[in-house]
Amino acid sequence: IYTPQFKKFWAEYPNKKEKDVAFGVFKSLKKKEQEQVVIAARNYRIETKKEKQEKKFIKHPATFLRKNRWKDYLGSPAKEEMEAFDEMQEKAMEERK
């Protein structure tokens, strides 16, 4: 039922709500946009983790896809931010040991 490209989007997206609704919106996007949405979803997931955003404040997938909101997350996160995030993850892993 779901396309391979949508499955990639869904795997990246941080808030798994209303999958069928999200798929309906996803199908309305052009093929190139569908590819870009996967990148945007990955960036959004990274941002929400980095900012420790509460789940209730993470957009529903259909909301993210509508009105081109996803385009706000097309640029890749800054290298410094990614490195800082990696360091935070490593520190958290060390603390769990």
C-alpha atoms as a PDB file:
ATOM      1  CA  ILE A   1       0.000   0.000   0.000  1.00  0.00           C
ATOM      2  CA  TYR A   2       2.805   2.482   0.861  1.00  0.00           C
ATOM      3  CA  THR A   3       5.427   3.465  -1.692  1.00  0.00           C
ATOM      4  CA  PRO A   4       9.130   2.814  -1.027  1.00  0.00           C
ATOM      5  CA  GLN A   5       9.801   6.562  -0.912  1.00  0.00           C
ATOM      6  CA  PHE A   6       7.062   7.080   1.683  1.00  0.00           C
ATOM      7  CA  LYS A   7       8.496   4.237   3.766  1.00  0.00           C
ATOM      8  CA  LYS A   8      11.840   6.085   3.763  1.00  0.00           C
ATOM      9  CA  PHE A   9      10.079   9.263   4.881  1.00  0.00           C
ATOM     10  CA  TRP A  10       8.191   7.412   7.604  1.00  0.00           C
ATOM     11  CA  ALA A  11      11.364   5.764   8.901  1.00  0.00           C
ATOM     12  CA  GLU A  12      13.009   9.186   9.280  1.00  0.00           C
ATOM     13  CA  TYR A  13      10.076  11.113  10.701  1.00  0.00           C
ATOM     14  CA  PRO A  14      10.137  11.538  14.511  1.00  0.00           C
ATOM     15  CA  ASN A  15       6.379  11.473  15.208  1.00  0.00           C
ATOM     16  CA  LYS A  16       4.541   8.400  13.955  1.00  0.00           C
ATOM     17  CA  LYS A  17       0.924   9.632  13.885  1.00  0.00           C
ATOM     18  CA  GLU A  18      -1.868   9.249  11.318  1.00  0.00           C
ATOM     19  CA  LYS A  19       0.154   7.326   8.751  1.00  0.00           C
ATOM     20  CA  ASP A  20      -2.658   7.046   6.194  1.00  0.00           C
ATOM     21  CA  VAL A  21      -3.343  10.796   6.316  1.00  0.00           C
ATOM     22  CA  ALA A  22       0.364  11.523   5.880  1.00  0.00           C
ATOM     23  CA  PHE A  23       0.542   9.114   2.946  1.00  0.00           C
ATOM     24  CA  GLY A  24      -2.350  10.899   1.240  1.00  0.00           C
ATOM     25  CA  VAL A  25      -0.516  14.222   1.476  1.00  0.00           C
ATOM     26  CA  PHE A  26       2.786  12.599   0.474  1.00  0.00           C
ATOM     27  CA  LYS A  27       1.240  11.146  -2.710  1.00  0.00           C
ATOM     28  CA  SER A  28       0.201  14.640  -3.806  1.00  0.00           C
ATOM     29  CA  LEU A  29       3.845  15.780  -3.898  1.00  0.00           C
ATOM     30  CA  LYS A  30       5.917  15.637  -7.073  1.00  0.00           C
ATOM     31  CA  LYS A  31       8.526  12.871  -7.290  1.00  0.00           C
ATOM     32  CA  LYS A  32      11.430  15.294  -6.712  1.00  0.00           C
ATOM     33  CA  GLU A  33       9.612  16.772  -3.704  1.00  0.00           C
ATOM     34  CA  GLN A  34       9.074  13.287  -2.282  1.00  0.00           C
ATOM     35  CA  GLU A  35      12.838  12.730  -2.413  1.00  0.00           C
ATOM     36  CA  GLN A  36      13.469  16.084  -0.736  1.00  0.00           C
ATOM     37  CA  VAL A  37      10.907  15.362   1.983  1.00  0.00           C
ATOM     38  CA  VAL A  38      12.966  12.367   3.132  1.00  0.00           C
ATOM     39  CA  ILE A  39      15.970  14.673   3.645  1.00  0.00           C
ATOM     40  CA  ALA A  40      13.796  17.272   5.379  1.00  0.00           C
ATOM     41  CA  ALA A  41      12.326  14.616   7.690  1.00  0.00           C
ATOM     42  CA  ARG A  42      15.816  13.445   8.648  1.00  0.00           C
ATOM     43  CA  ASN A  43      16.889  17.022   9.403  1.00  0.00           C
ATOM     44  CA  TYR A  44      13.715  17.636  11.405  1.00  0.00           C
ATOM     45  CA  ARG A  45      14.303  14.449  13.427  1.00  0.00           C
ATOM     46  CA  ILE A  46      17.878  15.535  14.177  1.00  0.00           C
ATOM     47  CA  GLU A  47      16.694  18.990  15.223  1.00  0.00           C
ATOM     48  CA  THR A  48      13.980  17.673  17.535  1.00  0.00           C
ATOM     49  CA  LYS A  49      16.442  15.312  19.224  1.00  0.00           C
ATOM     50  CA  LYS A  50      19.099  17.983  19.543  1.00  0.00           C
ATOM     51  CA  GLU A  51      16.632  20.384  21.125  1.00  0.00           C
ATOM     52  CA  LYS A  52      15.124  17.587  23.252  1.00  0.00           C
ATOM     53  CA  GLN A  53      11.719  18.611  21.983  1.00  0.00           C
ATOM     54  CA  GLU A  54       8.780  17.006  23.758  1.00  0.00           C
ATOM     55  CA  LYS A  55       6.798  14.639  21.556  1.00  0.00           C
ATOM     56  CA  LYS A  56       3.637  16.721  21.959  1.00  0.00           C
ATOM     57  CA  PHE A  57       5.393  19.646  20.228  1.00  0.00           C
ATOM     58  CA  ILE A  58       6.622  17.647  17.231  1.00  0.00           C
ATOM     59  CA  LYS A  59       4.451  18.246  14.171  1.00  0.00           C
ATOM     60  CA  HIS A  60       2.217  15.468  12.933  1.00  0.00           C
ATOM     61  CA  PRO A  61       3.578  14.128   9.641  1.00  0.00           C
ATOM     62  CA  ALA A  62       0.674  15.446   7.537  1.00  0.00           C
ATOM     63  CA  THR A  63       1.105  18.905   9.076  1.00  0.00           C
ATOM     64  CA  PHE A  64       4.820  18.778   8.271  1.00  0.00           C
ATOM     65  CA  LEU A  65       4.046  17.893   4.643  1.00  0.00           C
ATOM     66  CA  ARG A  66       1.290  20.455   4.061  1.00  0.00           C
ATOM     67  CA  LYS A  67       1.898  24.039   2.947  1.00  0.00           C
ATOM     68  CA  ASN A  68       5.541  23.203   2.169  1.00  0.00           C
ATOM     69  CA  ARG A  69       6.500  23.340   5.860  1.00  0.00           C
ATOM     70  CA  TRP A  70       9.058  20.630   5.148  1.00  0.00           C
ATOM     71  CA  LYS A  71      11.050  23.066   2.995  1.00  0.00           C
ATOM     72  CA  ASP A  72      12.164  24.831   6.185  1.00  0.00           C
ATOM     73  CA  TYR A  73      14.232  21.725   6.954  1.00  0.00           C
ATOM     74  CA  LEU A  74      15.864  21.091   3.589  1.00  0.00           C
ATOM     75  CA  GLY A  75      19.225  22.623   4.464  1.00  0.00           C
ATOM     76  CA  SER A  76      21.525  20.210   6.221  1.00  0.00           C
ATOM     77  CA  PRO A  77      22.217  20.941   9.871  1.00  0.00           C
ATOM     78  CA  ALA A  78      25.397  22.914  10.428  1.00  0.00           C
ATOM     79  CA  LYS A  79      28.494  20.756  10.819  1.00  0.00           C
ATOM     80  CA  GLU A  80      29.245  22.241  14.225  1.00  0.00           C
ATOM     81  CA  GLU A  81      25.736  21.448  15.422  1.00  0.00           C
ATOM     82  CA  MET A  82      26.058  17.882  14.205  1.00  0.00           C
ATOM     83  CA  GLU A  83      29.399  17.460  15.958  1.00  0.00           C
ATOM     84  CA  ALA A  84      27.961  18.892  19.176  1.00  0.00           C
ATOM     85  CA  PHE A  85      24.992  16.542  18.905  1.00  0.00           C
ATOM     86  CA  ASP A  86      27.314  13.566  18.366  1.00  0.00           C
ATOM     87  CA  GLU A  87      29.304  14.568  21.442  1.00  0.00           C
ATOM     88  CA  MET A  88      26.110  14.803  23.501  1.00  0.00           C
ATOM     89  CA  GLN A  89      25.077  11.327  22.375  1.00  0.00           C
ATOM     90  CA  GLU A  90      28.487   9.889  23.222  1.00  0.00           C
ATOM     91  CA  LYS A  91      28.387  11.512  26.654  1.00  0.00           C
ATOM     92  CA  ALA A  92      24.901  10.120  27.287  1.00  0.00           C
ATOM     93  CA  MET A  93      26.094   6.638  26.294  1.00  0.00           C
ATOM     94  CA  GLU A  94      29.050   6.932  28.680  1.00  0.00           C
ATOM     95  CA  GLU A  95      26.747   7.976  31.522  1.00  0.00           C
ATOM     96  CA  ARG A  96      24.558   4.909  30.968  1.00  0.00           C
ATOM     97  CA  LYS A  97      27.498   2.541  31.483  1.00  0.00           C
END
